[in-house]
Amino acid sequence: MATARTPMPVKKKPLPAGLPREWYESHNRRLKAMRLAISLLDSGTYDARRATNRKIRTMAVRTGIHRPSNITCKLVRAFIVSNAG
């Protein structure tokens, strides 16, 4: 009987210093959108058309993520579309 192995957590590295503020904002937005997209996919939302802003924001509340902006919601849908292909 095989036992389930839990993956080792990825060691976090500090972000590179000296980049423009917009880079850090974009990077953090992509990470947030990716976490939300994964949560939505895990909950059964596989179609980007069904991932409304309301549904994305509800998932953010459930997972303890700060309320995403409209831009982040759009990015979440883009991640779901790219996953479907």
N, C-alpha and C. Protein backbone atom coordinates (compact mmCIF):
# COMPACT_ATOMS: atom_id res chain seq x y z
N MET A 1 0.85 -1.17 0.00
CA MET A 1 0.00 0.00 0.00
C MET A 1 0.89 1.23 0.00
N ALA A 2 0.66 2.13 -0.95
CA ALA A 2 1.48 3.33 -1.08
C ALA A 2 0.99 4.40 -0.10
N THR A 3 1.93 5.11 0.45
CA THR A 3 1.57 6.20 1.35
C THR A 3 1.67 7.52 0.61
N ALA A 4 0.79 8.44 0.95
CA ALA A 4 0.81 9.75 0.30
C ALA A 4 1.95 10.58 0.88
N ARG A 5 2.72 11.14 -0.03
CA ARG A 5 3.83 11.99 0.41
C ARG A 5 3.45 13.45 0.20
N THR A 6 3.68 14.25 1.19
CA THR A 6 3.41 15.67 1.03
C THR A 6 4.65 16.33 0.46
N PRO A 7 4.47 17.21 -0.52
CA PRO A 7 5.63 17.87 -1.12
C PRO A 7 6.30 18.81 -0.12
N MET A 8 7.59 18.93 -0.25
CA MET A 8 8.34 19.83 0.61
C MET A 8 8.01 21.27 0.20
N PRO A 9 7.85 22.17 1.17
CA PRO A 9 7.55 23.56 0.81
C PRO A 9 8.74 24.19 0.08
N VAL A 10 8.41 25.06 -0.84
CA VAL A 10 9.44 25.74 -1.61
C VAL A 10 10.08 26.80 -0.74
N LYS A 11 11.39 26.84 -0.77
CA LYS A 11 12.10 27.84 0.02
C LYS A 11 11.95 29.20 -0.66
N LYS A 12 11.44 30.17 0.08
CA LYS A 12 11.21 31.49 -0.48
C LYS A 12 12.52 32.26 -0.57
N LYS A 13 12.65 32.98 -1.67
CA LYS A 13 13.82 33.84 -1.87
C LYS A 13 13.35 35.29 -1.82
N PRO A 14 14.20 36.17 -1.35
CA PRO A 14 13.80 37.58 -1.35
C PRO A 14 13.68 38.11 -2.78
N LEU A 15 12.78 39.05 -2.98
CA LEU A 15 12.63 39.66 -4.30
C LEU A 15 13.87 40.49 -4.61
N PRO A 16 14.20 40.61 -5.89
CA PRO A 16 15.38 41.41 -6.25
C PRO A 16 15.18 42.88 -5.88
N ALA A 17 16.23 43.49 -5.41
CA ALA A 17 16.15 44.90 -5.01
C ALA A 17 16.43 45.81 -6.20
N GLY A 18 15.93 47.03 -6.10
CA GLY A 18 16.26 48.04 -7.09
C GLY A 18 15.36 48.11 -8.30
N LEU A 19 14.30 47.32 -8.34
CA LEU A 19 13.39 47.37 -9.48
C LEU A 19 12.33 48.44 -9.23
N PRO A 20 11.71 48.93 -10.30
CA PRO A 20 10.65 49.94 -10.12
C PRO A 20 9.48 49.39 -9.32
N ARG A 21 8.80 50.26 -8.61
CA ARG A 21 7.67 49.87 -7.77
C ARG A 21 6.60 49.13 -8.57
N GLU A 22 6.39 49.53 -9.82
CA GLU A 22 5.38 48.89 -10.66
C GLU A 22 5.68 47.41 -10.85
N TRP A 23 6.96 47.04 -10.89
CA TRP A 23 7.32 45.63 -11.06
C TRP A 23 6.85 44.82 -9.86
N TYR A 24 7.08 45.34 -8.65
CA TYR A 24 6.67 44.63 -7.44
C TYR A 24 5.15 44.52 -7.36
N GLU A 25 4.45 45.60 -7.73
CA GLU A 25 2.99 45.56 -7.71
C GLU A 25 2.46 44.53 -8.70
N SER A 26 3.03 44.50 -9.89
CA SER A 26 2.62 43.54 -10.91
C SER A 26 2.92 42.11 -10.47
N HIS A 27 4.09 41.91 -9.89
CA HIS A 27 4.49 40.58 -9.42
C HIS A 27 3.52 40.08 -8.35
N ASN A 28 3.23 40.92 -7.37
CA ASN A 28 2.32 40.51 -6.29
C ASN A 28 0.90 40.30 -6.81
N ARG A 29 0.48 41.11 -7.80
CA ARG A 29 -0.85 40.92 -8.39
C ARG A 29 -0.94 39.57 -9.09
N ARG A 30 0.11 39.20 -9.83
CA ARG A 30 0.11 37.90 -10.51
C ARG A 30 0.07 36.75 -9.51
N LEU A 31 0.82 36.86 -8.41
CA LEU A 31 0.80 35.81 -7.38
C LEU A 31 -0.59 35.67 -6.77
N LYS A 32 -1.23 36.80 -6.45
CA LYS A 32 -2.57 36.77 -5.87
C LYS A 32 -3.56 36.15 -6.85
N ALA A 33 -3.47 36.56 -8.12
CA ALA A 33 -4.38 36.02 -9.14
C ALA A 33 -4.17 34.52 -9.31
N MET A 34 -2.93 34.09 -9.25
CA MET A 34 -2.65 32.66 -9.40
C MET A 34 -3.23 31.86 -8.23
N ARG A 35 -3.07 32.37 -7.02
CA ARG A 35 -3.63 31.68 -5.86
C ARG A 35 -5.16 31.59 -5.96
N LEU A 36 -5.79 32.68 -6.40
CA LEU A 36 -7.24 32.68 -6.54
C LEU A 36 -7.69 31.75 -7.66
N ALA A 37 -6.97 31.74 -8.76
CA ALA A 37 -7.33 30.85 -9.87
C ALA A 37 -7.23 29.39 -9.44
N ILE A 38 -6.20 29.05 -8.71
CA ILE A 38 -6.04 27.68 -8.23
C ILE A 38 -7.18 27.31 -7.29
N SER A 39 -7.55 28.22 -6.41
CA SER A 39 -8.67 27.96 -5.50
C SER A 39 -9.97 27.76 -6.25
N LEU A 40 -10.21 28.58 -7.28
CA LEU A 40 -11.43 28.44 -8.07
C LEU A 40 -11.43 27.12 -8.84
N LEU A 41 -10.30 26.76 -9.42
CA LEU A 41 -10.22 25.50 -10.14
C LEU A 41 -10.45 24.32 -9.21
N ASP A 42 -9.88 24.40 -8.01
CA ASP A 42 -10.07 23.33 -7.02
C ASP A 42 -11.54 23.21 -6.59
N SER A 43 -12.25 24.34 -6.62
CA SER A 43 -13.66 24.31 -6.20
C SER A 43 -14.60 23.94 -7.34
N GLY A 44 -14.06 23.76 -8.56
CA GLY A 44 -14.89 23.31 -9.67
C GLY A 44 -15.25 24.36 -10.69
N THR A 45 -14.70 25.55 -10.58
CA THR A 45 -14.96 26.60 -11.57
C THR A 45 -13.90 26.50 -12.65
N TYR A 46 -14.25 25.80 -13.74
CA TYR A 46 -13.29 25.57 -14.81
C TYR A 46 -13.50 26.50 -15.99
N ASP A 47 -14.60 27.24 -16.01
CA ASP A 47 -14.93 28.13 -17.11
C ASP A 47 -14.74 29.57 -16.66
N ALA A 48 -13.96 30.33 -17.42
CA ALA A 48 -13.69 31.72 -17.04
C ALA A 48 -14.95 32.57 -17.06
N ARG A 49 -15.92 32.20 -17.91
CA ARG A 49 -17.17 32.98 -17.95
C ARG A 49 -17.95 32.84 -16.65
N ARG A 50 -17.78 31.74 -15.96
CA ARG A 50 -18.47 31.55 -14.67
C ARG A 50 -17.72 32.18 -13.50
N ALA A 51 -16.50 32.59 -13.73
CA ALA A 51 -15.70 33.21 -12.68
C ALA A 51 -15.97 34.72 -12.69
N THR A 52 -17.09 35.08 -12.11
CA THR A 52 -17.45 36.50 -12.05
C THR A 52 -16.62 37.20 -10.98
N ASN A 53 -16.62 38.52 -11.03
CA ASN A 53 -15.91 39.27 -10.00
C ASN A 53 -16.43 38.90 -8.61
N ARG A 54 -17.73 38.74 -8.51
CA ARG A 54 -18.34 38.40 -7.21
C ARG A 54 -17.84 37.04 -6.71
N LYS A 55 -17.79 36.06 -7.61
CA LYS A 55 -17.34 34.72 -7.22
C LYS A 55 -15.86 34.75 -6.83
N ILE A 56 -15.05 35.50 -7.57
CA ILE A 56 -13.62 35.60 -7.27
C ILE A 56 -13.42 36.27 -5.92
N ARG A 57 -14.17 37.33 -5.67
CA ARG A 57 -14.03 38.05 -4.38
C ARG A 57 -14.54 37.21 -3.22
N THR A 58 -15.57 36.41 -3.45
CA THR A 58 -16.05 35.51 -2.41
C THR A 58 -14.99 34.47 -2.08
N MET A 59 -14.34 33.94 -3.12
CA MET A 59 -13.26 32.97 -2.90
C MET A 59 -12.10 33.62 -2.14
N ALA A 60 -11.83 34.89 -2.42
CA ALA A 60 -10.76 35.60 -1.71
C ALA A 60 -11.07 35.68 -0.21
N VAL A 61 -12.32 35.96 0.12
CA VAL A 61 -12.72 36.03 1.52
C VAL A 61 -12.56 34.66 2.18
N ARG A 62 -12.99 33.61 1.47
CA ARG A 62 -12.90 32.25 2.02
C ARG A 62 -11.47 31.82 2.27
N THR A 63 -10.56 32.24 1.40
CA THR A 63 -9.17 31.80 1.52
C THR A 63 -8.30 32.78 2.29
N GLY A 64 -8.89 33.89 2.75
CA GLY A 64 -8.14 34.84 3.56
C GLY A 64 -7.24 35.76 2.76
N ILE A 65 -7.61 36.01 1.51
CA ILE A 65 -6.84 36.91 0.65
C ILE A 65 -7.57 38.24 0.60
N HIS A 66 -6.81 39.34 0.57
CA HIS A 66 -7.44 40.66 0.50
C HIS A 66 -8.28 40.78 -0.77
N ARG A 67 -9.30 41.61 -0.70
CA ARG A 67 -10.25 41.79 -1.81
C ARG A 67 -9.49 42.20 -3.08
N PRO A 68 -9.65 41.42 -4.15
CA PRO A 68 -8.94 41.74 -5.39
C PRO A 68 -9.62 42.87 -6.16
N SER A 69 -8.82 43.61 -6.90
CA SER A 69 -9.33 44.68 -7.74
C SER A 69 -9.93 44.09 -9.02
N ASN A 70 -10.54 44.95 -9.83
CA ASN A 70 -11.08 44.51 -11.11
C ASN A 70 -9.98 43.98 -12.02
N ILE A 71 -8.82 44.60 -11.97
CA ILE A 71 -7.69 44.16 -12.80
C ILE A 71 -7.25 42.76 -12.38
N THR A 72 -7.19 42.51 -11.08
CA THR A 72 -6.79 41.20 -10.59
C THR A 72 -7.84 40.15 -10.97
N CYS A 73 -9.12 40.51 -10.90
CA CYS A 73 -10.17 39.56 -11.29
C CYS A 73 -10.03 39.19 -12.77
N LYS A 74 -9.70 40.17 -13.59
CA LYS A 74 -9.50 39.91 -15.01
C LYS A 74 -8.31 38.97 -15.23
N LEU A 75 -7.27 39.17 -14.43
CA LEU A 75 -6.09 38.31 -14.52
C LEU A 75 -6.41 36.89 -14.06
N VAL A 76 -7.26 36.74 -13.06
CA VAL A 76 -7.69 35.41 -12.60
C VAL A 76 -8.38 34.67 -13.74
N ARG A 77 -9.28 35.37 -14.43
CA ARG A 77 -9.97 34.74 -15.56
C ARG A 77 -8.98 34.36 -16.67
N ALA A 78 -7.98 35.19 -16.89
CA ALA A 78 -6.96 34.86 -17.91
C ALA A 78 -6.20 33.60 -17.52
N PHE A 79 -5.89 33.44 -16.23
CA PHE A 79 -5.21 32.23 -15.77
C PHE A 79 -6.10 31.00 -15.98
N ILE A 80 -7.40 31.14 -15.71
CA ILE A 80 -8.30 29.99 -15.88
C ILE A 80 -8.40 29.63 -17.36
N VAL A 81 -8.46 30.60 -18.24
CA VAL A 81 -8.53 30.34 -19.68
C VAL A 81 -7.24 29.64 -20.14
N SER A 82 -6.09 30.11 -19.67
CA SER A 82 -4.83 29.51 -20.09
C SER A 82 -4.68 28.09 -19.57
N ASN A 83 -5.31 27.78 -18.46
CA ASN A 83 -5.26 26.44 -17.90
C ASN A 83 -6.14 25.47 -18.69
N ALA A 84 -7.22 25.99 -19.26
CA ALA A 84 -8.16 25.13 -19.98
C ALA A 84 -7.58 24.64 -21.30
N GLY A 85 -6.65 25.36 -21.87
CA GLY A 85 -6.12 24.98 -23.19
C GLY A 85 -5.13 23.93 -23.09
